[in-house]
N, C-alpha and C. Protein backbone atom coordinates (compact mmCIF):
# COMPACT_ATOMS: atom_id res chain seq x y z
N MET A 1 -38.88 -44.01 14.64
CA MET A 1 -38.45 -42.92 15.30
C MET A 1 -39.50 -41.84 15.47
N PRO A 2 -39.74 -41.46 16.71
CA PRO A 2 -40.58 -40.22 16.87
C PRO A 2 -40.32 -39.16 16.04
N PRO A 3 -41.29 -38.26 15.65
CA PRO A 3 -40.98 -37.17 14.76
C PRO A 3 -40.05 -36.23 15.20
N ALA A 4 -40.05 -35.88 16.50
CA ALA A 4 -38.97 -35.07 16.93
C ALA A 4 -37.63 -35.40 16.84
N ALA A 5 -37.37 -36.81 17.08
CA ALA A 5 -35.98 -37.38 16.98
C ALA A 5 -35.65 -37.41 15.55
N PHE A 6 -36.72 -37.83 14.77
CA PHE A 6 -36.46 -37.89 13.24
C PHE A 6 -35.74 -36.63 12.63
N TRP A 7 -36.16 -35.45 13.15
CA TRP A 7 -35.74 -34.38 12.52
C TRP A 7 -34.63 -33.62 13.37
N GLN A 8 -34.68 -33.75 14.59
CA GLN A 8 -33.78 -33.13 15.63
C GLN A 8 -32.35 -33.59 15.49
N THR A 9 -32.20 -35.08 15.54
CA THR A 9 -30.90 -35.68 15.41
C THR A 9 -30.21 -35.20 14.14
N PRO A 10 -30.69 -35.38 12.91
CA PRO A 10 -29.83 -35.00 11.77
C PRO A 10 -29.61 -33.65 11.84
N LEU A 11 -30.54 -32.73 12.16
CA LEU A 11 -30.39 -31.44 12.10
C LEU A 11 -29.15 -30.88 13.03
N LEU A 12 -29.15 -31.40 14.46
CA LEU A 12 -28.13 -31.18 15.11
C LEU A 12 -26.75 -31.62 14.69
N LEU A 13 -26.78 -32.78 14.12
CA LEU A 13 -25.50 -33.42 13.47
C LEU A 13 -24.96 -32.51 12.49
N ILE A 14 -25.82 -32.02 11.57
CA ILE A 14 -25.62 -31.16 10.50
C ILE A 14 -24.86 -29.87 11.01
N LEU A 15 -25.53 -29.25 11.92
CA LEU A 15 -24.86 -28.04 12.68
C LEU A 15 -23.60 -28.38 13.45
N SER A 16 -23.56 -29.43 13.93
CA SER A 16 -22.38 -29.78 14.72
C SER A 16 -21.15 -30.16 13.70
N ASN A 17 -21.41 -30.77 12.49
CA ASN A 17 -20.45 -30.84 11.45
C ASN A 17 -19.87 -29.69 10.96
N LEU A 18 -20.84 -28.61 11.02
CA LEU A 18 -20.33 -27.35 10.39
C LEU A 18 -19.44 -26.79 11.29
N PHE A 19 -19.57 -26.88 12.71
CA PHE A 19 -18.60 -26.47 13.46
C PHE A 19 -17.26 -27.36 13.56
N MET A 20 -17.49 -28.59 13.37
CA MET A 20 -16.27 -29.44 13.51
C MET A 20 -15.41 -29.27 12.24
N THR A 21 -16.04 -29.14 11.05
CA THR A 21 -15.30 -28.97 9.94
C THR A 21 -14.35 -27.61 10.05
N PHE A 22 -15.07 -26.54 10.35
CA PHE A 22 -14.38 -25.21 10.71
C PHE A 22 -13.27 -25.53 11.62
N ALA A 23 -13.58 -26.12 12.82
CA ALA A 23 -12.58 -26.33 13.76
C ALA A 23 -11.26 -27.09 13.27
N TRP A 24 -11.54 -28.01 12.51
CA TRP A 24 -10.45 -29.10 12.19
C TRP A 24 -9.80 -28.43 10.85
N TYR A 25 -10.54 -27.74 9.98
CA TYR A 25 -9.77 -27.34 8.62
C TYR A 25 -9.83 -25.95 8.39
N GLY A 26 -10.64 -25.10 9.06
CA GLY A 26 -10.64 -23.47 8.90
C GLY A 26 -9.34 -22.99 9.05
N HIS A 27 -8.61 -23.33 10.04
CA HIS A 27 -7.47 -22.54 10.33
C HIS A 27 -6.37 -22.69 9.31
N LEU A 28 -6.37 -23.89 8.37
CA LEU A 28 -5.62 -24.05 7.42
C LEU A 28 -5.58 -22.83 6.32
N LYS A 29 -6.79 -22.24 6.28
CA LYS A 29 -6.80 -21.14 5.35
C LYS A 29 -6.63 -19.73 6.20
N ASN A 30 -7.38 -19.67 7.24
CA ASN A 30 -7.47 -18.30 7.83
C ASN A 30 -6.08 -18.18 8.77
N MET A 31 -5.54 -19.02 9.23
CA MET A 31 -4.37 -18.95 10.31
C MET A 31 -2.99 -19.51 9.85
N ALA A 32 -2.85 -19.80 8.44
CA ALA A 32 -1.68 -20.43 7.94
C ALA A 32 -0.46 -19.78 8.52
N GLY A 33 -0.38 -18.45 8.52
CA GLY A 33 0.89 -17.81 9.12
C GLY A 33 0.97 -17.61 10.54
N ARG A 34 -0.05 -18.05 11.29
CA ARG A 34 -0.10 -18.10 12.88
C ARG A 34 0.71 -19.33 13.45
N PRO A 35 1.20 -19.18 14.67
CA PRO A 35 1.86 -20.42 15.31
C PRO A 35 0.62 -21.52 15.55
N TRP A 36 1.05 -22.55 15.42
CA TRP A 36 0.01 -23.80 15.51
C TRP A 36 -0.84 -23.72 16.72
N TYR A 37 -0.14 -23.33 17.93
CA TYR A 37 -0.97 -23.35 19.11
C TYR A 37 -1.99 -22.25 19.28
N LEU A 38 -2.05 -21.33 18.59
CA LEU A 38 -3.06 -20.36 18.46
C LEU A 38 -4.25 -21.02 17.53
N ALA A 39 -3.80 -21.61 16.49
CA ALA A 39 -4.87 -22.33 15.70
C ALA A 39 -5.42 -23.49 16.59
N ALA A 40 -4.74 -24.19 17.51
CA ALA A 40 -5.43 -25.17 18.26
C ALA A 40 -6.26 -24.64 19.18
N LEU A 41 -5.91 -23.43 19.86
CA LEU A 41 -6.80 -22.82 20.92
C LEU A 41 -8.01 -22.49 20.17
N LEU A 42 -8.11 -21.81 18.98
CA LEU A 42 -9.17 -21.24 18.40
C LEU A 42 -10.13 -22.63 18.02
N SER A 43 -9.39 -23.58 17.46
CA SER A 43 -10.05 -24.74 17.06
C SER A 43 -10.70 -25.49 18.24
N TRP A 44 -10.09 -25.33 19.41
CA TRP A 44 -10.76 -25.95 20.57
C TRP A 44 -11.96 -25.14 21.00
N GLY A 45 -11.97 -23.96 20.70
CA GLY A 45 -13.01 -23.02 21.07
C GLY A 45 -14.32 -23.32 20.26
N ILE A 46 -13.94 -23.51 19.13
CA ILE A 46 -14.86 -23.81 17.96
C ILE A 46 -15.66 -25.18 18.27
N ALA A 47 -14.69 -26.14 18.62
CA ALA A 47 -14.96 -27.51 18.83
C ALA A 47 -15.96 -27.62 19.99
N LEU A 48 -15.84 -26.71 20.98
CA LEU A 48 -16.84 -26.58 22.08
C LEU A 48 -18.28 -26.58 21.70
N PHE A 49 -18.57 -25.72 20.67
CA PHE A 49 -19.82 -25.64 20.01
C PHE A 49 -20.34 -26.99 19.27
N GLU A 50 -19.26 -27.47 18.75
CA GLU A 50 -19.61 -28.90 17.96
C GLU A 50 -20.10 -29.88 18.98
N TYR A 51 -19.60 -29.90 20.22
CA TYR A 51 -19.82 -30.90 21.24
C TYR A 51 -21.28 -30.49 21.76
N LEU A 52 -21.36 -29.16 22.00
CA LEU A 52 -22.81 -28.67 22.63
C LEU A 52 -23.95 -29.24 21.65
N LEU A 53 -23.67 -29.39 20.43
CA LEU A 53 -24.81 -29.81 19.43
C LEU A 53 -24.63 -31.42 19.26
N GLN A 54 -23.27 -31.99 19.18
CA GLN A 54 -23.19 -33.40 19.00
C GLN A 54 -23.82 -34.27 20.11
N VAL A 55 -23.51 -33.90 21.21
CA VAL A 55 -23.85 -34.78 22.31
C VAL A 55 -25.42 -34.86 22.54
N PRO A 56 -26.13 -33.63 22.30
CA PRO A 56 -27.59 -33.77 22.40
C PRO A 56 -28.19 -34.65 21.16
N ALA A 57 -27.47 -34.37 20.07
CA ALA A 57 -27.91 -35.24 18.79
C ALA A 57 -28.00 -36.67 18.99
N ASN A 58 -26.80 -37.21 19.58
CA ASN A 58 -26.67 -38.59 19.91
C ASN A 58 -27.76 -39.09 21.10
N ARG A 59 -27.85 -38.20 22.10
CA ARG A 59 -28.65 -38.50 23.04
C ARG A 59 -30.20 -38.58 22.55
N ILE A 60 -30.63 -37.79 21.60
CA ILE A 60 -32.03 -37.59 21.21
C ILE A 60 -32.18 -38.92 20.24
N GLY A 61 -31.06 -39.27 19.40
CA GLY A 61 -31.07 -40.32 18.48
C GLY A 61 -31.01 -41.60 18.94
N TYR A 62 -30.24 -41.90 20.01
CA TYR A 62 -29.95 -43.16 20.66
C TYR A 62 -31.13 -43.70 21.37
N GLY A 63 -31.36 -44.95 21.00
CA GLY A 63 -32.60 -45.61 21.31
C GLY A 63 -33.58 -45.61 20.23
N GLN A 64 -33.64 -44.57 19.56
CA GLN A 64 -34.41 -44.61 18.41
C GLN A 64 -33.59 -45.23 17.12
N LEU A 65 -32.28 -45.05 17.11
CA LEU A 65 -31.40 -45.61 16.19
C LEU A 65 -30.44 -46.40 16.95
N SER A 66 -29.75 -47.28 16.26
CA SER A 66 -28.58 -48.15 17.00
C SER A 66 -27.53 -47.30 16.93
N LEU A 67 -26.36 -47.70 17.70
CA LEU A 67 -25.21 -46.91 17.79
C LEU A 67 -24.45 -46.91 16.47
N SER A 68 -24.57 -48.06 15.69
CA SER A 68 -24.09 -48.11 14.37
C SER A 68 -24.84 -47.32 13.39
N GLN A 69 -26.10 -47.06 13.49
CA GLN A 69 -26.86 -46.35 12.73
C GLN A 69 -26.55 -44.66 12.85
N LEU A 70 -26.32 -44.43 14.14
CA LEU A 70 -25.90 -43.03 14.48
C LEU A 70 -24.48 -42.69 13.85
N LYS A 71 -23.60 -43.62 14.01
CA LYS A 71 -22.31 -43.39 13.55
C LYS A 71 -22.29 -43.27 12.03
N ILE A 72 -23.09 -44.14 11.18
CA ILE A 72 -23.21 -44.13 9.79
C ILE A 72 -23.79 -42.70 9.31
N MET A 73 -24.90 -42.31 10.15
CA MET A 73 -25.56 -40.93 10.00
C MET A 73 -24.50 -39.79 10.04
N GLN A 74 -23.64 -40.05 10.95
CA GLN A 74 -22.51 -39.02 11.24
C GLN A 74 -21.68 -38.91 10.08
N GLY A 75 -21.32 -40.06 9.51
CA GLY A 75 -20.16 -40.13 8.53
C GLY A 75 -20.80 -39.55 7.09
N VAL A 76 -22.02 -39.84 6.79
CA VAL A 76 -22.83 -39.19 5.73
C VAL A 76 -22.92 -37.75 5.81
N ILE A 77 -23.34 -37.20 7.00
CA ILE A 77 -23.44 -35.89 7.20
C ILE A 77 -22.22 -35.26 7.18
N SER A 78 -21.03 -35.83 7.64
CA SER A 78 -19.81 -35.45 7.83
C SER A 78 -19.21 -35.17 6.28
N LEU A 79 -19.47 -36.02 5.45
CA LEU A 79 -18.98 -35.95 4.14
C LEU A 79 -19.68 -34.89 3.35
N SER A 80 -21.08 -34.90 3.63
CA SER A 80 -21.94 -33.90 2.78
C SER A 80 -21.70 -32.68 3.42
N VAL A 81 -21.22 -32.29 4.40
CA VAL A 81 -20.78 -30.88 4.75
C VAL A 81 -19.44 -30.70 4.37
N PHE A 82 -18.38 -31.68 4.47
CA PHE A 82 -17.11 -31.50 3.99
C PHE A 82 -16.89 -31.04 2.61
N ILE A 83 -17.57 -31.80 1.80
CA ILE A 83 -17.39 -31.60 0.31
C ILE A 83 -17.72 -30.02 -0.21
N PRO A 84 -18.77 -29.54 0.16
CA PRO A 84 -19.08 -28.05 -0.10
C PRO A 84 -18.18 -27.20 0.56
N PHE A 85 -17.56 -27.43 1.70
CA PHE A 85 -16.64 -26.61 2.53
C PHE A 85 -15.27 -26.64 1.64
N ALA A 86 -14.89 -27.90 1.33
CA ALA A 86 -13.64 -28.02 0.59
C ALA A 86 -13.79 -27.19 -0.78
N ILE A 87 -14.76 -27.37 -1.49
CA ILE A 87 -14.92 -26.78 -2.70
C ILE A 87 -15.09 -25.12 -2.69
N TYR A 88 -16.08 -24.75 -1.82
CA TYR A 88 -16.55 -23.46 -1.78
C TYR A 88 -15.56 -22.58 -0.90
N TYR A 89 -15.36 -23.10 0.25
CA TYR A 89 -14.56 -22.23 1.18
C TYR A 89 -12.97 -22.55 1.10
N MET A 90 -12.61 -23.63 0.98
CA MET A 90 -11.08 -23.86 0.81
C MET A 90 -10.65 -23.84 -0.65
N ASP A 91 -11.54 -23.64 -1.67
CA ASP A 91 -11.17 -23.36 -2.95
C ASP A 91 -10.58 -24.70 -3.62
N GLN A 92 -11.06 -25.83 -3.07
CA GLN A 92 -10.35 -27.10 -3.71
C GLN A 92 -11.15 -27.42 -5.05
N PRO A 93 -10.53 -28.08 -5.80
CA PRO A 93 -11.43 -28.39 -7.05
C PRO A 93 -12.29 -29.66 -6.84
N PHE A 94 -13.43 -29.76 -7.57
CA PHE A 94 -14.36 -30.78 -7.46
C PHE A 94 -13.44 -32.06 -7.91
N ARG A 95 -13.66 -33.23 -7.18
CA ARG A 95 -12.94 -34.51 -7.60
C ARG A 95 -14.16 -35.39 -7.63
N TRP A 96 -14.10 -36.41 -8.66
CA TRP A 96 -14.99 -37.48 -8.72
C TRP A 96 -14.86 -38.43 -7.74
N ASP A 97 -13.69 -38.37 -6.82
CA ASP A 97 -13.68 -39.22 -5.79
C ASP A 97 -14.73 -38.92 -4.73
N TYR A 98 -15.14 -37.79 -4.72
CA TYR A 98 -16.16 -37.33 -3.62
C TYR A 98 -17.48 -37.94 -4.01
N VAL A 99 -17.78 -38.25 -5.25
CA VAL A 99 -18.97 -38.84 -5.77
C VAL A 99 -18.74 -40.34 -5.37
N TRP A 100 -17.59 -41.05 -5.62
CA TRP A 100 -17.56 -42.29 -5.37
C TRP A 100 -17.65 -42.61 -3.99
N ALA A 101 -16.97 -41.68 -2.99
CA ALA A 101 -16.97 -41.96 -1.63
C ALA A 101 -18.52 -41.67 -1.16
N GLY A 102 -19.23 -40.92 -1.73
CA GLY A 102 -20.58 -40.75 -1.45
C GLY A 102 -21.30 -42.06 -1.78
N LEU A 103 -21.11 -42.73 -2.77
CA LEU A 103 -21.84 -43.85 -3.27
C LEU A 103 -21.51 -45.03 -2.39
N CYS A 104 -20.26 -45.03 -1.78
CA CYS A 104 -19.77 -45.94 -0.76
C CYS A 104 -20.83 -45.81 0.52
N LEU A 105 -20.92 -44.62 0.94
CA LEU A 105 -21.75 -44.39 1.99
C LEU A 105 -23.05 -44.54 1.78
N VAL A 106 -23.58 -44.44 0.57
CA VAL A 106 -25.09 -44.93 0.35
C VAL A 106 -25.25 -46.23 0.51
N GLY A 107 -24.12 -47.16 0.31
CA GLY A 107 -24.13 -48.69 0.55
C GLY A 107 -24.11 -48.89 2.12
N ALA A 108 -23.20 -48.05 2.69
CA ALA A 108 -23.23 -48.28 4.18
C ALA A 108 -24.41 -48.03 4.87
N VAL A 109 -25.28 -46.89 4.37
CA VAL A 109 -26.54 -46.62 4.83
C VAL A 109 -27.52 -47.76 4.73
N TYR A 110 -27.43 -48.08 3.41
CA TYR A 110 -28.36 -49.29 3.07
C TYR A 110 -28.29 -50.61 4.02
N PHE A 111 -26.96 -50.84 4.22
CA PHE A 111 -26.64 -52.03 5.14
C PHE A 111 -26.90 -51.77 6.58
N MET A 112 -26.85 -50.55 7.03
CA MET A 112 -27.13 -50.26 8.60
C MET A 112 -28.52 -50.11 8.78
N PHE A 113 -29.21 -49.52 7.71
CA PHE A 113 -30.64 -49.20 7.99
C PHE A 113 -31.74 -50.19 7.39
N ARG A 114 -31.33 -51.24 6.68
CA ARG A 114 -32.21 -52.24 6.29
C ARG A 114 -32.85 -53.10 7.26
N GLY A 115 -34.00 -53.44 7.17
CA GLY A 115 -34.87 -54.14 8.05
C GLY A 115 -34.13 -54.74 9.22
């Protein structure tokens, strides 16, 4: 993978996932007392920024990585962003299931990226 793609793809995916996580779950904390359609509209607006980062990330990475590798990378990044979000922003307790799920993803990465 060229150096630019090596750094740009995961960086854009991390930023994209930050927006995605807030779009999907942030309203559960911040807008619990508001009508669902307001939360949906706000989430849709946040998700626009997710897509503005996700689409270029996939375009930069595709061709250097296979489609399956891009998807596994996305999954690992998604869980890596979600766990701190759940613990620190949503005040959820740490669960060992996060560790076990992460280890399963390590296995997925191994199988997708091996020779």
